[in-house]
Amino acid sequence: MAQQNLSCHYNESMGFFYQNINAEDKWDKTQLILVQVVGSLFCCFILVSNAMVVAAVITNKRFHYPFYYLLSNLAASDFLAGIAYVYLMFNTGEVSLKLTVKGYFIRQGLLDISLSASLANLLVIALERYISVMNWKVHSNLTKRRVTLLIVLVWAISIFMGAVPSLGWNCICNLSDCSQLAPIFSRSYLIFWSVSNLVVFLVMVVIYMRIYTYVKKKTSVLTPHTSGSINRKRTPIKLIKTVMVVLGAFVICWTPGLVVLLLDGLNCTSCKVMKLKRWLLLLAVLNSVMNPCIYSYKDEEMWQTFKNLLRCIGNGTRRQRSTKANARPLSSGQDTGSQLPSEETKKDDQSILKT
C-alpha cells in the first residue's frame, strides 16, 4: 500500500505533470489578457443568449412541444459550456501550472460534461425528428414525462462521462501513459473519448441524411396533388433544417478537436498538437456563440419571442424607475396636486399588458 502511494502523484501540482510530458502552458501576458477580455465578452453573450432561449421556451406556449423542450436543454448545455470557458480562461497559462489535481479535474470535467450534454441532446433531437418525420408530423407524440426522463438521462450520462477520468481512468499512477493535451489523462482515454464522439457524429449524420431523403421524396409525391405550393411552415422540414444547421456547425467546430485528441491518444509526436490547442478552443467557443444565432435566424417565432422578452425587460426597467421616482418625497417647490396619467404612460401600460 505504501509503495502504491509512492507511485501515485495525487498531491503534486499540475506543474509536475507538465514537466513529465516536457510541455508548458505558457501564454504571452498581453495575449492572455486579450484572450480573457474577448473571451469574457463571448461568454457573456453565450450565457445571456442561451438563457433567453430557455426563457423563450418556458414563456411561449407555442414552444411547449418535445422538440423545443430538447432544444432548450441543448441551450442549457451551451450555458454550462459558457461557465466552463470562463473557468478555463482564468485558470490557464501560468495559473494552470499551480492547479491541484482536483482543480484540473474540475476544469476539464466542466468542458467534458458540456460537450457530452450537447452531443447527447443532438442525438436525442435527431431521434425525435426521425419519429415525427416518419409519421409526417411537425411534432412527435412524446409525452412530457418521457421528455423529462430523456433530459434527466442526458445529464446523467454527461456527468458520468465528465467524471470518468477522476474516477480512475487517468495516468496519475502511470506517468508513461500521460497525454500532451491533458497531462493527467491517459492516452487510452483520449482514444475512447474521441472515437466514441466521432461515431456519434457519424450516426447523427446518417439519421439526418435518411430524414432529408424521406422528406424530399414525400414532398415530391405530395406536390402534384396539392393546389399550390406546400406551406413549409407546417411541414416538418422547417424544423429539420434548423437542427441540420446546428448539427453542421457542431460537427465543423468539434471534429478538428476530436481528431487532434485522437492523434494525441495515438502518441503522434510529430503532430505538434500543443500548437493547435488554443485554436481548437476558439472553435469550441464559436460553436456555443453560433447556436442561439441559428435558432433566432431560422425560427421567426423564436426571434419574435426574443424581442418580446427584451421589450418586457425594458418596460419593466422603465416602470421600476418610474415607481422609484414617484416614491420620492415631494419638495416644497413641487406641485402636490394629483396629475392625470399622460397618453405616453397609457401606451406604455397597454404595451406591457399585451406582452
Protein backbone atom coordinates (compact mmCIF):
# COMPACT_ATOMS: atom_id res chain seq x y z
CA MET A 1 0.00 0.00 0.00
CA ALA A 2 2.83 2.38 0.86
CA GLN A 3 4.57 1.52 -2.40
CA GLN A 4 1.37 2.29 -4.33
CA ASN A 5 1.09 5.70 -2.66
CA LEU A 6 4.70 6.43 -3.63
CA SER A 7 4.00 5.55 -7.28
CA CYS A 8 0.92 7.76 -7.46
CA HIS A 9 1.09 11.55 -7.54
CA TYR A 10 -2.25 12.86 -6.28
CA ASN A 11 -0.58 15.51 -4.12
CA GLU A 12 1.51 17.04 -6.91
CA SER A 13 0.62 20.28 -8.68
CA MET A 14 -0.05 20.34 -12.43
CA GLY A 15 3.43 21.79 -13.00
CA PHE A 16 4.81 18.34 -12.13
CA PHE A 17 2.71 16.66 -14.83
CA TYR A 18 3.55 19.32 -17.46
CA GLN A 19 7.24 18.67 -16.74
CA ASN A 20 6.60 14.97 -17.11
CA ILE A 21 5.46 15.42 -20.73
CA ASN A 22 8.05 18.14 -21.43
CA ALA A 23 5.32 20.65 -22.27
CA GLU A 24 4.38 24.07 -20.95
CA ASP A 25 1.13 26.02 -20.94
CA LYS A 26 2.77 29.41 -21.36
CA TRP A 27 0.94 32.45 -22.69
CA ASP A 28 2.29 35.89 -23.50
CA LYS A 29 0.90 38.29 -20.86
CA THR A 30 -0.64 40.68 -23.40
CA GLN A 31 -2.06 37.80 -25.40
CA LEU A 32 -3.55 36.21 -22.28
CA ILE A 33 -5.24 39.48 -21.21
CA LEU A 34 -6.63 39.94 -24.73
CA VAL A 35 -7.98 36.38 -24.76
CA GLN A 36 -9.56 36.83 -21.33
CA VAL A 37 -11.25 40.13 -22.28
CA VAL A 38 -12.55 38.98 -25.67
CA GLY A 39 -13.38 35.53 -24.32
CA SER A 40 -15.33 37.07 -21.42
CA LEU A 41 -17.43 39.09 -23.88
CA PHE A 42 -18.16 35.94 -25.90
CA CYS A 43 -19.02 34.02 -22.74
CA CYS A 44 -21.38 36.77 -21.56
CA PHE A 45 -23.16 36.52 -24.90
CA ILE A 46 -23.30 32.72 -24.58
CA LEU A 47 -24.79 32.91 -21.08
CA VAL A 48 -27.35 35.64 -21.86
CA SER A 49 -28.47 34.32 -25.26
CA ASN A 50 -28.86 30.71 -24.14
CA ALA A 51 -30.71 31.84 -21.00
CA MET A 52 -33.07 33.70 -23.35
CA VAL A 53 -33.63 30.53 -25.40
CA VAL A 54 -34.66 28.65 -22.24
CA ALA A 55 -36.86 31.58 -21.16
CA ALA A 56 -38.47 31.73 -24.62
CA VAL A 57 -39.41 28.05 -24.49
CA ILE A 58 -40.85 28.45 -20.99
CA THR A 59 -42.89 31.62 -21.68
CA ASN A 60 -44.19 30.91 -25.19
CA LYS A 61 -46.88 28.21 -25.23
CA ARG A 62 -46.24 27.60 -28.93
CA PHE A 63 -42.90 26.07 -27.91
CA HIS A 64 -44.43 23.59 -25.46
CA TYR A 65 -43.55 20.56 -27.61
CA PRO A 66 -40.90 17.83 -27.28
CA PHE A 67 -38.63 19.35 -29.93
CA TYR A 68 -38.42 22.73 -28.20
CA TYR A 69 -38.00 21.20 -24.75
CA LEU A 70 -35.00 19.29 -26.08
CA LEU A 71 -33.77 22.42 -27.85
CA SER A 72 -33.90 24.35 -24.56
CA ASN A 73 -31.92 21.54 -22.95
CA LEU A 74 -29.31 21.96 -25.69
CA ALA A 75 -29.24 25.68 -24.83
CA ALA A 76 -28.74 24.72 -21.17
CA SER A 77 -25.69 22.64 -22.14
CA ASP A 78 -24.31 25.64 -24.06
CA PHE A 79 -24.97 27.76 -20.96
CA LEU A 80 -22.85 25.30 -18.96
CA ALA A 81 -20.21 25.50 -21.69
CA GLY A 82 -20.08 29.28 -21.19
CA ILE A 83 -19.40 28.76 -17.47
CA ALA A 84 -16.74 26.16 -18.31
CA TYR A 85 -14.99 28.53 -20.74
CA VAL A 86 -14.90 31.33 -18.13
CA TYR A 87 -13.39 28.96 -15.58
CA LEU A 88 -10.88 27.72 -18.16
CA MET A 89 -9.80 31.19 -19.29
CA PHE A 90 -8.96 32.31 -15.76
CA ASN A 91 -7.23 29.04 -14.91
CA THR A 92 -4.89 28.75 -17.87
CA GLY A 93 -1.34 29.87 -18.63
CA GLU A 94 0.91 30.06 -15.58
CA VAL A 95 -2.11 29.58 -13.30
CA SER A 96 -2.68 26.10 -14.74
CA LEU A 97 0.77 25.03 -13.51
CA LYS A 98 -0.28 25.82 -9.95
CA LEU A 99 -3.59 23.94 -10.14
CA THR A 100 -4.06 20.89 -7.97
CA VAL A 101 -5.10 17.59 -9.50
CA LYS A 102 -8.62 18.14 -8.17
CA GLY A 103 -8.75 21.64 -9.67
CA TYR A 104 -7.66 20.34 -13.06
CA PHE A 105 -10.29 17.59 -12.94
CA ILE A 106 -12.95 20.25 -12.27
CA ARG A 107 -11.68 22.43 -15.14
CA GLN A 108 -11.68 19.62 -17.69
CA GLY A 109 -14.76 17.95 -16.22
CA LEU A 110 -16.91 21.03 -16.88
CA LEU A 111 -15.82 21.06 -20.52
CA ASP A 112 -16.39 17.32 -20.94
CA ILE A 113 -19.84 17.45 -19.32
CA SER A 114 -20.97 20.35 -21.54
CA LEU A 115 -19.68 18.63 -24.69
CA SER A 116 -21.29 15.31 -23.74
CA ALA A 117 -24.58 17.06 -22.95
CA SER A 118 -24.56 18.90 -26.29
CA LEU A 119 -23.79 15.70 -28.19
CA ALA A 120 -26.37 13.64 -26.31
CA ASN A 121 -29.01 16.35 -26.83
CA LEU A 122 -28.34 16.46 -30.56
CA LEU A 123 -28.65 12.67 -30.74
CA VAL A 124 -31.97 12.70 -28.83
CA ILE A 125 -33.25 15.53 -31.05
CA ALA A 126 -32.25 13.52 -34.12
CA LEU A 127 -34.27 10.55 -32.88
CA GLU A 128 -37.23 12.81 -32.03
CA ARG A 129 -37.13 14.31 -35.51
CA TYR A 130 -36.91 10.85 -37.06
CA ILE A 131 -40.04 9.70 -35.17
CA SER A 132 -42.02 12.81 -36.14
CA VAL A 133 -40.96 12.75 -39.80
CA MET A 134 -41.73 9.05 -40.26
CA ASN A 135 -45.27 9.86 -39.06
CA TRP A 136 -45.26 13.04 -41.18
CA LYS A 137 -45.96 15.28 -38.20
CA VAL A 138 -44.40 18.56 -37.16
CA HIS A 139 -44.01 17.28 -33.59
CA SER A 140 -43.69 13.80 -32.15
CA ASN A 141 -46.13 12.24 -29.70
CA LEU A 142 -43.60 12.02 -26.87
CA THR A 143 -45.24 12.87 -23.55
CA LYS A 144 -43.81 15.44 -21.16
CA ARG A 145 -42.92 12.63 -18.77
CA ARG A 146 -40.85 10.83 -21.41
CA VAL A 147 -39.16 14.06 -22.48
CA THR A 148 -38.29 14.76 -18.85
CA LEU A 149 -36.84 11.28 -18.47
CA LEU A 150 -34.78 11.79 -21.63
CA ILE A 151 -33.43 15.10 -20.32
CA VAL A 152 -32.52 13.51 -16.97
CA LEU A 153 -30.84 10.62 -18.82
CA VAL A 154 -28.84 13.05 -20.98
CA TRP A 155 -27.44 14.85 -17.95
CA ALA A 156 -26.78 11.64 -16.02
CA ILE A 157 -24.72 10.23 -18.91
CA SER A 158 -22.93 13.57 -19.41
CA ILE A 159 -21.96 13.90 -15.74
CA PHE A 160 -20.71 10.32 -15.72
CA MET A 161 -18.63 10.88 -18.88
CA GLY A 162 -17.13 14.04 -17.42
CA ALA A 163 -16.28 12.26 -14.16
CA VAL A 164 -14.66 9.16 -15.73
CA PRO A 165 -11.04 10.47 -15.55
CA SER A 166 -11.41 11.46 -11.89
CA LEU A 167 -12.89 8.02 -11.13
CA GLY A 168 -9.65 6.32 -12.11
CA TRP A 169 -9.11 6.41 -15.88
CA ASN A 170 -6.07 8.68 -15.66
CA CYS A 171 -2.28 8.48 -15.66
CA ILE A 172 -1.58 9.76 -12.14
CA CYS A 173 -0.17 6.36 -11.22
CA ASN A 174 1.30 5.64 -14.66
CA LEU A 175 3.18 8.70 -15.90
CA SER A 176 4.34 6.99 -19.09
CA ASP A 177 0.73 6.90 -20.35
CA CYS A 178 0.07 10.65 -19.93
CA SER A 179 -1.16 12.67 -22.92
CA GLN A 180 0.09 16.09 -24.02
CA LEU A 181 -3.20 17.97 -24.30
CA ALA A 182 -4.41 16.75 -20.89
CA PRO A 183 -1.31 15.89 -18.80
CA ILE A 184 -3.17 13.73 -16.25
CA PHE A 185 -5.46 11.97 -18.76
CA SER A 186 -4.44 8.60 -20.14
CA ARG A 187 -3.87 8.34 -23.87
CA SER A 188 -6.23 5.35 -23.92
CA TYR A 189 -8.99 7.55 -22.51
CA LEU A 190 -8.43 10.17 -25.21
CA ILE A 191 -8.74 7.45 -27.85
CA PHE A 192 -12.01 6.22 -26.31
CA TRP A 193 -13.37 9.76 -25.93
CA SER A 194 -12.57 10.93 -29.46
CA VAL A 195 -13.60 7.73 -31.24
CA SER A 196 -16.92 7.45 -29.37
CA ASN A 197 -17.81 11.07 -30.16
CA LEU A 198 -16.84 10.72 -33.82
CA VAL A 199 -19.00 7.59 -34.07
CA VAL A 200 -21.97 9.51 -32.62
CA PHE A 201 -21.31 12.27 -35.18
CA LEU A 202 -21.47 9.69 -37.95
CA VAL A 203 -24.69 8.16 -36.59
CA MET A 204 -26.39 11.58 -36.44
CA VAL A 205 -25.29 12.46 -39.97
CA VAL A 206 -26.72 9.15 -41.23
CA ILE A 207 -30.02 9.77 -39.40
CA TYR A 208 -30.43 13.24 -40.87
CA MET A 209 -29.49 12.07 -44.35
CA ARG A 210 -32.21 9.44 -44.02
CA ILE A 211 -34.70 12.05 -42.77
CA TYR A 212 -33.82 14.54 -45.50
CA THR A 213 -34.11 11.91 -48.24
CA TYR A 214 -37.50 10.78 -46.92
CA VAL A 215 -38.86 14.34 -46.68
CA LYS A 216 -37.68 15.20 -50.19
CA LYS A 217 -39.31 12.08 -51.58
CA LYS A 218 -42.54 12.70 -49.65
CA THR A 219 -42.67 16.32 -50.75
CA SER A 220 -42.16 15.43 -54.42
CA VAL A 221 -45.02 12.92 -54.19
CA LEU A 222 -47.41 15.37 -52.48
CA THR A 223 -46.64 18.40 -54.65
CA PRO A 224 -48.57 17.30 -57.82
CA HIS A 225 -51.67 16.57 -55.71
CA THR A 226 -51.77 19.87 -53.86
CA SER A 227 -53.40 23.06 -55.04
CA GLY A 228 -50.41 25.34 -54.80
CA SER A 229 -47.11 25.04 -53.04
CA ILE A 230 -46.81 23.19 -49.73
CA ASN A 231 -46.73 25.51 -46.77
CA ARG A 232 -43.27 24.86 -45.41
CA LYS A 233 -44.17 26.42 -42.10
CA ARG A 234 -46.50 23.48 -41.47
CA THR A 235 -44.23 20.72 -42.68
CA PRO A 236 -41.51 19.01 -40.62
CA ILE A 237 -38.77 20.14 -42.99
CA LYS A 238 -38.57 23.61 -41.41
CA LEU A 239 -37.54 22.29 -38.00
CA ILE A 240 -35.26 19.72 -39.65
CA LYS A 241 -33.34 22.47 -41.43
CA THR A 242 -32.81 24.30 -38.14
CA VAL A 243 -31.40 21.18 -36.46
CA MET A 244 -29.29 20.29 -39.51
CA VAL A 245 -27.64 23.72 -39.41
CA VAL A 246 -27.00 23.34 -35.65
CA LEU A 247 -25.58 19.85 -36.20
CA GLY A 248 -23.44 21.03 -39.11
CA ALA A 249 -21.96 23.84 -37.02
CA PHE A 250 -21.32 21.43 -34.15
CA VAL A 251 -19.56 18.90 -36.39
CA ILE A 252 -17.44 21.57 -38.10
CA CYS A 253 -16.38 23.17 -34.81
CA TRP A 254 -15.69 19.98 -32.83
CA THR A 255 -14.39 17.45 -35.38
CA PRO A 256 -10.90 19.05 -35.68
CA GLY A 257 -10.52 18.99 -31.89
CA LEU A 258 -11.61 15.35 -31.65
CA VAL A 259 -9.19 14.37 -34.43
CA VAL A 260 -6.33 16.13 -32.63
CA LEU A 261 -7.30 14.37 -29.38
CA LEU A 262 -7.21 11.05 -31.25
CA LEU A 263 -3.75 11.84 -32.64
CA ASP A 264 -2.55 12.72 -29.14
CA GLY A 265 -4.01 9.46 -27.84
CA LEU A 266 -2.15 7.58 -30.55
CA ASN A 267 1.06 9.29 -29.33
CA CYS A 268 1.73 11.16 -32.55
CA THR A 269 4.93 13.00 -31.58
CA SER A 270 5.32 14.79 -34.93
CA CYS A 271 1.77 16.22 -34.96
CA LYS A 272 2.56 19.23 -32.71
CA VAL A 273 -0.83 19.04 -31.04
CA MET A 274 0.04 21.65 -28.39
CA LYS A 275 0.27 24.41 -31.03
CA LEU A 276 -3.30 23.66 -32.17
CA LYS A 277 -4.78 23.65 -28.67
CA ARG A 278 -5.72 27.35 -28.50
CA TRP A 279 -7.29 27.46 -31.97
CA LEU A 280 -9.38 24.39 -31.22
CA LEU A 281 -10.65 26.05 -28.04
CA LEU A 282 -11.62 29.13 -30.07
CA LEU A 283 -13.65 26.92 -32.43
CA ALA A 284 -15.45 25.38 -29.47
CA VAL A 285 -16.34 28.83 -28.09
CA LEU A 286 -17.60 29.96 -31.51
CA ASN A 287 -19.92 26.96 -31.66
CA SER A 288 -21.67 27.98 -28.44
CA VAL A 289 -21.91 31.57 -29.77
CA MET A 290 -23.43 30.42 -33.07
CA ASN A 291 -26.25 28.23 -31.74
CA PRO A 292 -28.56 30.99 -30.36
CA CYS A 293 -27.99 32.96 -33.57
CA ILE A 294 -29.07 29.93 -35.60
CA TYR A 295 -32.22 29.45 -33.51
CA SER A 296 -33.31 33.07 -33.95
CA TYR A 297 -32.38 33.26 -37.65
CA LYS A 298 -34.02 30.01 -38.72
CA ASP A 299 -37.10 30.30 -36.49
CA GLU A 300 -39.15 33.52 -36.83
CA GLU A 301 -41.27 32.67 -33.80
CA MET A 302 -38.13 32.31 -31.66
CA TRP A 303 -36.82 35.67 -32.85
CA GLN A 304 -40.17 37.33 -32.13
CA THR A 305 -40.17 35.83 -28.63
CA PHE A 306 -36.65 37.17 -28.05
CA LYS A 307 -37.83 40.67 -28.98
CA ASN A 308 -40.85 40.37 -26.68
CA LEU A 309 -38.61 39.29 -23.80
CA LEU A 310 -36.27 42.24 -24.37
CA ARG A 311 -39.26 44.57 -24.61
CA CYS A 312 -40.65 43.25 -21.34
CA ILE A 313 -37.28 43.73 -19.64
CA GLY A 314 -37.03 47.28 -20.98
CA ASN A 315 -40.58 48.20 -19.99
CA GLY A 316 -40.13 46.62 -16.58
CA THR A 317 -36.96 48.67 -16.01
CA ARG A 318 -38.74 51.88 -17.01
CA ARG A 319 -41.68 51.12 -14.71
CA GLN A 320 -39.32 50.37 -11.84
CA ARG A 321 -37.54 53.69 -12.34
CA SER A 322 -40.88 55.49 -12.58
CA THR A 323 -42.09 53.85 -9.36
CA LYS A 324 -38.93 54.86 -7.52
CA ALA A 325 -39.24 58.42 -8.81
CA ASN A 326 -42.88 58.66 -7.67
CA ALA A 327 -41.97 57.27 -4.25
CA ARG A 328 -39.55 60.14 -3.55
CA PRO A 329 -40.83 62.82 -1.11
CA LEU A 330 -42.01 65.98 -2.84
CA SER A 331 -40.08 69.17 -2.16
CA SER A 332 -41.76 72.44 -1.21
CA GLY A 333 -41.32 73.80 -4.70
CA GLN A 334 -43.06 70.83 -6.34
CA ASP A 335 -46.76 70.69 -7.09
CA THR A 336 -48.55 68.37 -4.67
CA GLY A 337 -51.69 68.12 -6.72
CA SER A 338 -52.57 64.86 -8.42
CA GLN A 339 -51.95 64.57 -12.11
CA LEU A 340 -53.80 62.51 -14.66
CA PRO A 341 -51.72 59.86 -16.42
CA SER A 342 -50.32 61.04 -19.72
CA GLU A 343 -51.09 59.41 -23.05
CA GLU A 344 -47.49 58.09 -23.23
CA THR A 345 -47.88 56.33 -19.87
CA LYS A 346 -51.14 54.77 -21.03
CA LYS A 347 -49.47 53.48 -24.19
CA ASP A 348 -46.60 52.01 -22.14
CA ASP A 349 -49.06 50.27 -19.82
CA GLN A 350 -51.05 48.90 -22.76
CA SER A 351 -47.89 47.56 -24.42
CA ILE A 352 -46.87 45.86 -21.15
CA LEU A 353 -50.28 44.18 -20.89
CA LYS A 354 -50.03 42.97 -24.49
CA THR A 355 -46.59 41.48 -23.95
